[in-house]
């Protein structure tokens, strides 16, 4: 069993998590939960960070733990690497996953958004913040018909 001083956690070989209970004077098992993006967490900290700190070493400021195979549930030590956010996003498997998820309806939503915004500014000489209702109305038309209402 390993002890993580920073998080005050005990972790056994099967990655079961314990915290010392002063009431009962013994170790109490902790059940991880899923956060919004789907990572397993304990006390708001992803388990991948806890395991890396406990078994591998300290994580430098500005760095994050990358799941090499992009599977959030695969928390084996060999699946972790400590990288900057930029390197994390450049993981070839992460890039492939985003490429597949952006195919959606057969067009790139990000490209369409920026192209429409440019046309909107040129035609109305407004920004999105100037007239939000008009912007949303025109954007909806553009997404539905793949052209602006004034074209």
Protein backbone atom coordinates (compact mmCIF):
# COMPACT_ATOMS: atom_id res chain seq x y z
CA UNK A 1 0.00 0.00 0.00
CA UNK A 2 1.34 3.44 -1.00
CA UNK A 3 0.66 6.77 0.73
CA UNK A 4 0.14 10.04 -1.16
CA UNK A 5 1.07 12.84 1.25
CA UNK A 6 -0.23 15.65 -0.94
CA UNK A 7 -3.74 14.14 -1.14
CA UNK A 8 -3.66 12.27 2.19
CA UNK A 9 -4.67 9.01 0.49
CA UNK A 10 -3.60 5.40 0.75
CA UNK A 11 -3.67 3.35 -2.44
CA UNK A 12 -3.29 -0.41 -2.59
CA UNK A 13 -2.03 -2.52 -5.51
CA UNK A 14 -5.52 -2.88 -7.03
CA UNK A 15 -5.98 0.90 -7.03
CA UNK A 16 -8.48 0.94 -4.18
CA UNK A 17 -8.44 4.28 -2.35
CA UNK A 18 -8.49 4.79 1.41
CA UNK A 19 -8.39 7.75 3.76
CA UNK A 20 -7.60 7.66 7.47
CA UNK A 21 -10.69 8.23 9.59
CA UNK A 22 -10.05 9.88 12.95
CA UNK A 23 -13.51 8.83 14.16
CA UNK A 24 -13.02 5.10 13.71
CA UNK A 25 -9.22 5.21 13.88
CA UNK A 26 -8.86 3.04 10.77
CA UNK A 27 -8.69 3.31 7.00
CA UNK A 28 -11.98 4.04 5.26
CA UNK A 29 -12.47 3.08 1.61
CA UNK A 30 -13.32 5.93 -0.80
CA UNK A 31 -15.44 5.42 -3.90
CA UNK A 32 -14.41 7.54 -6.91
CA UNK A 33 -17.04 9.48 -8.88
CA UNK A 34 -17.20 10.80 -12.46
CA UNK A 35 -16.79 14.51 -13.13
CA UNK A 36 -18.36 16.41 -16.07
CA UNK A 37 -15.84 15.34 -18.75
CA UNK A 38 -16.07 11.71 -17.56
CA UNK A 39 -12.84 11.27 -15.57
CA UNK A 40 -12.89 9.29 -12.32
CA UNK A 41 -12.19 11.65 -9.41
CA UNK A 42 -11.66 11.74 -5.67
CA UNK A 43 -12.26 15.06 -3.90
CA UNK A 44 -12.28 16.93 -7.22
CA UNK A 45 -8.92 15.53 -8.37
CA UNK A 46 -8.76 13.11 -11.32
CA UNK A 47 -7.48 9.68 -10.34
CA UNK A 48 -4.90 9.83 -13.12
CA UNK A 49 -3.19 12.75 -11.31
CA UNK A 50 -3.36 10.96 -7.95
CA UNK A 51 -1.86 7.76 -9.34
CA UNK A 52 0.88 9.61 -11.23
CA UNK A 53 1.86 11.59 -8.12
CA UNK A 54 1.83 8.48 -5.94
CA UNK A 55 3.64 5.95 -8.11
CA UNK A 56 5.67 7.95 -10.66
CA UNK A 57 6.47 11.42 -9.35
CA UNK A 58 5.56 15.08 -9.01
CA UNK A 59 3.64 16.85 -11.81
CA UNK A 60 5.26 20.21 -12.75
CA UNK A 61 3.12 23.37 -12.85
CA UNK A 62 1.34 23.83 -16.18
CA UNK A 63 1.52 20.14 -17.05
CA UNK A 64 -1.27 17.58 -17.22
CA UNK A 65 -1.60 13.83 -17.37
CA UNK A 66 -2.40 12.43 -20.79
CA UNK A 67 -4.09 9.07 -21.24
CA UNK A 68 -2.02 7.76 -24.15
CA UNK A 69 -4.82 5.60 -25.55
CA UNK A 70 -7.41 8.41 -24.86
CA UNK A 71 -9.51 5.99 -22.78
CA UNK A 72 -10.49 7.89 -19.61
CA UNK A 73 -11.21 4.64 -17.78
CA UNK A 74 -7.81 3.07 -18.47
CA UNK A 75 -5.93 4.22 -15.37
CA UNK A 76 -2.95 1.88 -15.62
CA UNK A 77 0.41 3.53 -14.95
CA UNK A 78 1.79 2.56 -18.37
CA UNK A 79 -1.03 4.57 -19.99
CA UNK A 80 0.05 7.90 -18.45
CA UNK A 81 2.44 10.57 -19.65
CA UNK A 82 3.06 13.99 -18.15
CA UNK A 83 2.84 16.62 -20.91
CA UNK A 84 1.89 20.23 -21.58
CA UNK A 85 -1.65 20.95 -22.75
CA UNK A 86 -0.39 21.53 -26.29
CA UNK A 87 1.33 18.12 -26.40
CA UNK A 88 -1.77 16.53 -24.91
CA UNK A 89 -3.89 17.91 -27.77
CA UNK A 90 -1.26 16.72 -30.28
CA UNK A 91 -1.67 13.09 -29.20
CA UNK A 92 -2.35 11.33 -32.54
CA UNK A 93 -5.24 9.33 -31.07
CA UNK A 94 -6.80 12.50 -29.62
CA UNK A 95 -6.55 14.22 -33.01
CA UNK A 96 -8.17 11.22 -34.71
CA UNK A 97 -11.00 11.18 -32.16
CA UNK A 98 -11.73 14.89 -32.70
CA UNK A 99 -11.59 14.45 -36.47
CA UNK A 100 -14.24 11.72 -36.26
CA UNK A 101 -16.46 13.66 -33.81
CA UNK A 102 -16.39 16.78 -36.04
CA UNK A 103 -17.72 14.90 -39.07
CA UNK A 104 -21.25 15.09 -37.58
CA UNK A 105 -23.40 16.32 -40.47
CA UNK A 106 -20.70 16.24 -43.10
CA UNK A 107 -19.38 19.77 -42.60
CA UNK A 108 -16.94 21.32 -40.16
CA UNK A 109 -18.94 23.33 -37.63
CA UNK A 110 -15.97 25.47 -36.60
CA UNK A 111 -15.16 26.45 -40.19
CA UNK A 112 -18.79 27.31 -40.91
CA UNK A 113 -19.06 29.41 -37.74
CA UNK A 114 -16.00 31.52 -38.57
CA UNK A 115 -16.92 31.87 -42.24
CA UNK A 116 -20.42 33.01 -41.34
CA UNK A 117 -19.14 35.46 -38.72
CA UNK A 118 -16.87 37.08 -41.30
CA UNK A 119 -19.75 37.44 -43.78
CA UNK A 120 -22.07 38.77 -41.06
CA UNK A 121 -19.58 41.49 -40.11
CA UNK A 122 -19.01 42.47 -43.75
CA UNK A 123 -22.71 42.74 -44.57
CA UNK A 124 -24.13 44.35 -41.40
CA UNK A 125 -20.97 46.10 -40.15
CA UNK A 126 -21.85 44.69 -36.71
CA UNK A 127 -20.27 42.29 -34.28
CA UNK A 128 -22.14 39.46 -32.65
CA UNK A 129 -22.38 41.48 -29.41
CA UNK A 130 -23.97 44.46 -31.18
CA UNK A 131 -27.14 42.57 -32.12
CA UNK A 132 -27.29 39.07 -30.68
CA UNK A 133 -30.86 38.36 -31.89
CA UNK A 134 -30.07 39.27 -35.50
CA UNK A 135 -26.81 37.32 -35.36
CA UNK A 136 -28.51 34.15 -34.07
CA UNK A 137 -31.34 34.44 -36.60
CA UNK A 138 -28.91 34.81 -39.52
CA UNK A 139 -26.63 32.06 -38.20
CA UNK A 140 -29.56 29.63 -37.93
CA UNK A 141 -30.52 30.42 -41.54
CA UNK A 142 -26.91 29.92 -42.65
CA UNK A 143 -26.60 26.53 -40.95
CA UNK A 144 -29.93 25.36 -42.38
CA UNK A 145 -29.43 26.58 -45.98
CA UNK A 146 -25.60 26.74 -46.24
CA UNK A 147 -25.83 30.33 -47.44
CA UNK A 148 -26.65 33.72 -45.93
CA UNK A 149 -30.17 35.15 -46.25
CA UNK A 150 -28.84 38.14 -48.21
CA UNK A 151 -27.06 35.98 -50.83
